[in-house]
Amino acid sequence: MENICAIIDVQGFYVNSEFLVRELAIVSPNLCLCQEFNPNIKWNDLNLNDYNTVKHCYNRVHGLSLNSISYAEK
């Protein structure tokens, strides 16, 4: 573990064969950061396959909604 300079964790969704970052976390001896991102995707814009993938990730993988609460309320 002495040789590890940082741990990076990225969570998100594949939509239209493109990975959209929803959350990024970085932890190192000098930094601890967790940042949420808004892909700004509307549920109605998803095709059936992407809709099912997003729902599966939310329910069974990471529990992150498609968009952050601030975007979902608009």
C-alpha atoms as a PDB file:
ATOM      1  CA  MET A   1       0.000   0.000   0.000  1.00  0.00           C
ATOM      2  CA  GLU A   2       2.965   2.377   0.407  1.00  0.00           C
ATOM      3  CA  ASN A   3       3.266   2.597  -3.400  1.00  0.00           C
ATOM      4  CA  ILE A   4      -0.326   3.714  -3.981  1.00  0.00           C
ATOM      5  CA  CYS A   5      -0.492   7.477  -4.560  1.00  0.00           C
ATOM      6  CA  ALA A   6      -4.305   7.760  -4.845  1.00  0.00           C
ATOM      7  CA  ILE A   7      -7.518   5.826  -5.259  1.00  0.00           C
ATOM      8  CA  ILE A   8      -9.962   7.009  -7.906  1.00  0.00           C
ATOM      9  CA  ASP A   9     -13.545   5.744  -8.105  1.00  0.00           C
ATOM     10  CA  VAL A  10     -15.906   6.730 -10.925  1.00  0.00           C
ATOM     11  CA  GLN A  11     -19.588   5.787 -11.049  1.00  0.00           C
ATOM     12  CA  GLY A  12     -21.996   6.496 -13.865  1.00  0.00           C
ATOM     13  CA  PHE A  13     -24.035   5.138 -16.722  1.00  0.00           C
ATOM     14  CA  TYR A  14     -23.550   4.020 -20.307  1.00  0.00           C
ATOM     15  CA  VAL A  15     -26.007   5.904 -22.531  1.00  0.00           C
ATOM     16  CA  ASN A  16     -25.785   5.646 -26.319  1.00  0.00           C
ATOM     17  CA  SER A  17     -22.550   3.620 -25.888  1.00  0.00           C
ATOM     18  CA  GLU A  18     -20.934   6.557 -24.060  1.00  0.00           C
ATOM     19  CA  PHE A  19     -19.972   6.509 -20.381  1.00  0.00           C
ATOM     20  CA  LEU A  20     -21.493   9.434 -18.497  1.00  0.00           C
ATOM     21  CA  VAL A  21     -19.817  10.209 -15.175  1.00  0.00           C
ATOM     22  CA  ARG A  22     -22.289  10.717 -12.355  1.00  0.00           C
ATOM     23  CA  GLU A  23     -19.882  10.690  -9.396  1.00  0.00           C
ATOM     24  CA  LEU A  24     -16.094  10.904  -9.057  1.00  0.00           C
ATOM     25  CA  ALA A  25     -14.177  10.288  -5.843  1.00  0.00           C
ATOM     26  CA  ILE A  26     -10.438  10.711  -5.250  1.00  0.00           C
ATOM     27  CA  VAL A  27      -8.632   9.828  -2.045  1.00  0.00           C
ATOM     28  CA  SER A  28      -4.916  10.326  -1.451  1.00  0.00           C
ATOM     29  CA  PRO A  29      -2.768  11.216   1.533  1.00  0.00           C
ATOM     30  CA  ASN A  30      -3.268  14.914   0.654  1.00  0.00           C
ATOM     31  CA  LEU A  31      -6.721  14.985  -0.938  1.00  0.00           C
ATOM     32  CA  CYS A  32     -10.214  13.697  -0.288  1.00  0.00           C
ATOM     33  CA  LEU A  33     -12.743  14.709  -2.935  1.00  0.00           C
ATOM     34  CA  CYS A  34     -16.186  13.516  -3.952  1.00  0.00           C
ATOM     35  CA  GLN A  35     -17.919  15.342  -6.789  1.00  0.00           C
ATOM     36  CA  GLU A  36     -21.308  14.725  -8.389  1.00  0.00           C
ATOM     37  CA  PHE A  37     -21.972  15.525 -12.039  1.00  0.00           C
ATOM     38  CA  ASN A  38     -25.194  16.031 -13.958  1.00  0.00           C
ATOM     39  CA  PRO A  39     -25.363  14.282 -17.311  1.00  0.00           C
ATOM     40  CA  ASN A  40     -28.544  16.354 -17.911  1.00  0.00           C
ATOM     41  CA  ILE A  41     -30.353  13.442 -19.526  1.00  0.00           C
ATOM     42  CA  LYS A  42     -34.134  13.185 -19.392  1.00  0.00           C
ATOM     43  CA  TRP A  43     -35.724   9.780 -18.870  1.00  0.00           C
ATOM     44  CA  ASN A  44     -37.875  10.324 -21.984  1.00  0.00           C
ATOM     45  CA  ASP A  45     -34.729  10.745 -24.102  1.00  0.00           C
ATOM     46  CA  LEU A  46     -33.475   7.227 -23.295  1.00  0.00           C
ATOM     47  CA  ASN A  47     -34.124   4.316 -25.608  1.00  0.00           C
ATOM     48  CA  LEU A  48     -35.464   1.137 -23.983  1.00  0.00           C
ATOM     49  CA  ASN A  49     -32.037  -0.520 -23.683  1.00  0.00           C
ATOM     50  CA  ASP A  50     -30.429   2.541 -22.047  1.00  0.00           C
ATOM     51  CA  TYR A  51     -33.457   2.986 -19.776  1.00  0.00           C
ATOM     52  CA  ASN A  52     -33.107  -0.616 -18.560  1.00  0.00           C
ATOM     53  CA  THR A  53     -29.343  -0.205 -18.077  1.00  0.00           C
ATOM     54  CA  VAL A  54     -29.766   2.974 -16.015  1.00  0.00           C
ATOM     55  CA  LYS A  55     -32.507   1.390 -13.879  1.00  0.00           C
ATOM     56  CA  HIS A  56     -30.346  -1.708 -13.301  1.00  0.00           C
ATOM     57  CA  CYS A  57     -27.349   0.384 -12.213  1.00  0.00           C
ATOM     58  CA  TYR A  58     -29.539   2.437  -9.888  1.00  0.00           C
ATOM     59  CA  ASN A  59     -31.267  -0.580  -8.336  1.00  0.00           C
ATOM     60  CA  ARG A  60     -28.427  -3.116  -8.250  1.00  0.00           C
ATOM     61  CA  VAL A  61     -25.025  -1.442  -8.708  1.00  0.00           C
ATOM     62  CA  HIS A  62     -24.420   2.017  -7.270  1.00  0.00           C
ATOM     63  CA  GLY A  63     -27.787   3.536  -6.318  1.00  0.00           C
ATOM     64  CA  LEU A  64     -27.154   6.859  -8.078  1.00  0.00           C
ATOM     65  CA  SER A  65     -30.088   8.468  -9.848  1.00  0.00           C
ATOM     66  CA  LEU A  66     -29.771   9.499 -13.476  1.00  0.00           C
ATOM     67  CA  ASN A  67     -29.357  13.171 -12.515  1.00  0.00           C
ATOM     68  CA  SER A  68     -28.598  14.909  -9.259  1.00  0.00           C
ATOM     69  CA  ILE A  69     -31.515  16.150  -7.182  1.00  0.00           C
ATOM     70  CA  SER A  70     -30.916  19.783  -8.148  1.00  0.00           C
ATOM     71  CA  TYR A  71     -31.419  18.969 -11.852  1.00  0.00           C
ATOM     72  CA  ALA A  72     -34.291  16.537 -11.271  1.00  0.00           C
ATOM     73  CA  GLU A  73     -36.299  19.234  -9.458  1.00  0.00           C
ATOM     74  CA  LYS A  74     -36.196  21.628 -12.439  1.00  0.00           C
END
